Protein backbone atom coordinates (compact mmCIF):
# COMPACT_ATOMS: atom_id res chain seq x y z
CA UNK A 1 63.51 8.88 42.67
CA UNK A 2 60.14 10.22 42.03
CA UNK A 3 57.05 8.53 43.28
CA UNK A 4 55.98 6.42 40.29
CA UNK A 5 53.63 3.65 41.10
CA UNK A 6 53.51 0.63 38.87
CA UNK A 7 50.27 -1.26 38.95
CA UNK A 8 50.60 -4.82 37.94
CA UNK A 9 47.32 -6.64 37.52
CA UNK A 10 44.14 -6.86 35.59
CA UNK A 11 40.93 -4.91 35.73
CA UNK A 12 39.42 -7.71 37.71
CA UNK A 13 42.09 -7.30 40.37
CA UNK A 14 41.35 -3.57 40.62
CA UNK A 15 37.55 -3.53 40.82
CA UNK A 16 37.00 -6.91 42.31
CA UNK A 17 35.95 -10.25 40.85
CA UNK A 18 32.21 -9.82 41.27
CA UNK A 19 31.73 -6.46 39.54
CA UNK A 20 33.82 -7.29 36.42
CA UNK A 21 32.07 -10.61 35.85
CA UNK A 22 28.64 -8.97 36.23
CA UNK A 23 29.56 -6.19 33.76
CA UNK A 24 30.88 -8.71 31.15
CA UNK A 25 27.78 -10.88 31.52
CA UNK A 26 25.49 -7.86 31.03
CA UNK A 27 27.17 -7.00 27.71
CA UNK A 28 26.60 -10.52 26.34
CA UNK A 29 22.93 -10.93 27.24
CA UNK A 30 21.46 -9.56 23.96
CA UNK A 31 19.78 -6.53 22.43
CA UNK A 32 18.11 -3.73 24.28
CA UNK A 33 14.44 -3.03 23.73
CA UNK A 34 15.26 0.19 21.87
CA UNK A 35 17.61 -1.61 19.48
CA UNK A 36 14.93 -4.19 18.78
CA UNK A 37 12.23 -1.54 18.17
CA UNK A 38 14.48 0.43 15.81
CA UNK A 39 15.24 -2.73 13.82
CA UNK A 40 11.55 -3.62 13.55
CA UNK A 41 10.70 -0.05 12.48
CA UNK A 42 13.36 -0.14 9.73
CA UNK A 43 12.09 -3.49 8.45
CA UNK A 44 8.51 -2.13 8.40
CA UNK A 45 9.56 0.94 6.41
CA UNK A 46 11.47 -1.14 3.86
CA UNK A 47 8.51 -3.52 3.57
CA UNK A 48 6.06 -0.63 3.06
CA UNK A 49 8.19 0.72 0.22
CA UNK A 50 9.00 -2.61 -1.43
CA UNK A 51 5.55 -4.25 -1.64
CA UNK A 52 3.84 -1.63 -3.88
CA UNK A 53 6.92 -1.47 -6.11
CA UNK A 54 6.99 -5.23 -6.46
CA UNK A 55 3.26 -5.29 -7.23
CA UNK A 56 3.68 -2.76 -10.06
CA UNK A 57 6.70 -4.65 -11.36
CA UNK A 58 4.80 -7.94 -11.30
CA UNK A 59 1.77 -6.58 -13.18
CA UNK A 60 3.90 -5.01 -15.90
CA UNK A 61 6.09 -8.11 -16.19
CA UNK A 62 2.98 -10.24 -16.72
CA UNK A 63 1.81 -7.86 -19.46
CA UNK A 64 5.17 -8.10 -21.22
CA UNK A 65 5.11 -11.89 -20.97
CA UNK A 66 1.63 -12.07 -22.50
CA UNK A 67 2.65 -9.77 -25.35
CA UNK A 68 5.77 -11.80 -26.05
CA UNK A 69 3.68 -14.98 -25.98
CA UNK A 70 1.34 -13.61 -28.65
CA UNK A 71 4.33 -12.46 -30.68
CA UNK A 72 5.84 -15.95 -30.43
CA UNK A 73 2.56 -17.49 -31.63
CA UNK A 74 2.50 -15.10 -34.60
CA UNK A 75 6.06 -15.99 -35.55
CA UNK A 76 5.45 -19.71 -35.06
CA UNK A 77 2.32 -19.75 -37.22
CA UNK A 78 4.02 -17.74 -39.95
CA UNK A 79 6.85 -20.30 -40.06
CA UNK A 80 4.39 -23.19 -40.05
CA UNK A 81 2.39 -21.62 -42.88
CA UNK A 82 5.54 -21.24 -44.98
CA UNK A 83 6.93 -24.72 -44.26
CA UNK A 84 3.60 -26.54 -44.73
CA UNK A 85 2.19 -24.26 -47.47
CA UNK A 86 -0.98 -24.06 -45.41
CA UNK A 87 -2.97 -21.14 -44.04
CA UNK A 88 -3.10 -20.57 -40.29
CA UNK A 89 -5.13 -18.06 -38.41
CA UNK A 90 -5.65 -16.68 -34.94
CA UNK A 91 -9.09 -15.43 -33.93
CA UNK A 92 -9.30 -13.13 -30.92
CA UNK A 93 -12.30 -13.15 -28.58
CA UNK A 94 -12.35 -9.93 -26.56
CA UNK A 95 -15.37 -10.92 -24.45
CA UNK A 96 -13.79 -14.28 -23.54
CA UNK A 97 -10.35 -12.70 -23.18
CA UNK A 98 -8.72 -15.47 -25.23
CA UNK A 99 -7.63 -16.41 -28.72
CA UNK A 100 -7.94 -19.54 -30.85
CA UNK A 101 -5.18 -20.88 -33.07
CA UNK A 102 -6.56 -22.62 -36.18
CA UNK A 103 -5.10 -24.59 -39.08
CA UNK A 104 -6.57 -24.30 -42.54
CA UNK A 105 -5.79 -25.77 -45.94
CA UNK A 106 -3.80 -24.40 -48.88
CA UNK A 107 -6.74 -22.26 -49.92
CA UNK A 108 -7.88 -21.45 -46.39
CA UNK A 109 -11.23 -22.76 -45.15
CA UNK A 110 -12.19 -24.97 -43.49
CA UNK A 111 -10.16 -24.06 -40.40
CA UNK A 112 -9.64 -26.58 -37.63
CA UNK A 113 -9.08 -25.27 -34.08
CA UNK A 114 -5.75 -26.40 -32.66
CA UNK A 115 -5.63 -24.60 -29.33
CA UNK A 116 -7.41 -21.93 -27.28
CA UNK A 117 -5.17 -19.70 -25.18
CA UNK A 118 -6.35 -17.51 -22.33
CA UNK A 119 -4.63 -14.74 -20.44
CA UNK A 120 -5.39 -16.24 -17.03
CA UNK A 121 -1.87 -17.75 -17.05
CA UNK A 122 -0.51 -14.20 -16.94
CA UNK A 123 -2.84 -12.83 -14.25
CA UNK A 124 -6.49 -12.05 -13.85
CA UNK A 125 -6.01 -8.31 -14.41
CA UNK A 126 -5.11 -8.54 -18.11
CA UNK A 127 -7.49 -8.10 -21.00
CA UNK A 128 -7.60 -7.64 -24.75
CA UNK A 129 -8.59 -3.99 -25.15
CA UNK A 130 -8.67 -3.85 -28.95
CA UNK A 131 -8.04 -5.98 -32.03
CA UNK A 132 -7.89 -4.69 -35.59
CA UNK A 133 -6.93 -6.97 -38.47
CA UNK A 134 -8.65 -5.64 -41.54
CA UNK A 135 -12.24 -6.87 -41.42
CA UNK A 136 -14.94 -6.97 -38.80
CA UNK A 137 -13.73 -10.35 -37.53
CA UNK A 138 -10.71 -9.96 -35.24
CA UNK A 139 -8.61 -12.55 -37.09
CA UNK A 140 -5.06 -12.61 -38.40
CA UNK A 141 -4.27 -15.03 -41.20
CA UNK A 142 -0.84 -16.30 -42.25
CA UNK A 143 -0.54 -17.59 -45.80
CA UNK A 144 1.89 -20.14 -47.23
CA UNK A 145 4.08 -17.40 -48.70
CA UNK A 146 4.52 -15.77 -45.28
CA UNK A 147 2.08 -12.97 -45.98
CA UNK A 148 -0.06 -11.93 -43.00
CA UNK A 149 -3.17 -9.87 -42.44
CA UNK A 150 -1.77 -6.55 -41.17
CA UNK A 151 -3.11 -5.19 -37.92
CA UNK A 152 -2.59 -5.04 -34.21
CA UNK A 153 -3.69 -6.37 -30.82
CA UNK A 154 -3.64 -4.18 -27.72
CA UNK A 155 -3.47 -5.69 -24.24
CA UNK A 156 -4.12 -3.71 -21.04
CA UNK A 157 -3.54 -4.50 -17.38
CA UNK A 158 -5.18 -3.06 -14.25
CA UNK A 159 -2.47 -0.38 -13.91
CA UNK A 160 -3.33 1.05 -17.32
CA UNK A 161 -0.14 -0.22 -18.95
CA UNK A 162 -0.56 -1.34 -22.56
CA UNK A 163 1.21 -3.72 -24.89
CA UNK A 164 0.65 -3.36 -28.62
CA UNK A 165 1.53 -6.31 -30.86
CA UNK A 166 1.57 -5.16 -34.48
CA UNK A 167 1.98 -7.30 -37.61
CA UNK A 168 2.92 -6.00 -41.04
CA UNK A 169 1.76 -7.52 -44.33
CA UNK A 170 5.14 -9.24 -44.68
CA UNK A 171 4.52 -11.02 -41.36
CA UNK A 172 7.01 -8.99 -39.32
CA UNK A 173 5.89 -8.60 -35.74
CA UNK A 174 6.58 -5.68 -33.42
CA UNK A 175 5.82 -5.26 -29.72
CA UNK A 176 5.53 -1.89 -28.00
CA UNK A 177 5.08 -1.66 -24.23
CA UNK A 178 3.82 1.47 -22.43
CA UNK A 179 4.19 1.03 -18.66
CA UNK A 180 2.26 3.11 -16.16
């Protein structure tokens, strides 16, 4: 027979009860300082990248929402004008950064203000940069037959992104967004 030795026992039996228990306890105590610092550094890097991206996303999303809101008002007033055989109009106030929805009669005037809408609901950085609907007064009118004053409204946010809401004479509305 050769000299094979069979060891029967556990690691604790070999190195002693005190050392094994101390080593197991040390592994369960938590994170090292280096692991914690690396985790904090990774979170800081992700945060530094995400916040500016989210800010840009938020500004451009607010611009799109405002443009779609104006488009919805155009479509709503066109439908109202057709169903009620009454003229409706929207007058834009660039200096006040708002617009007024007004109801007229079959022939037009006098117009009664229904509601004034501002862009503060969509953020303080948004403004009406230009309005062109035919005449000197920045007003779009919807007639009882669905005909509209052709023109466009351009909104701008602080990033320089623009939203153009255009209306054709037939009352069709188009929105074009240019994000920066």
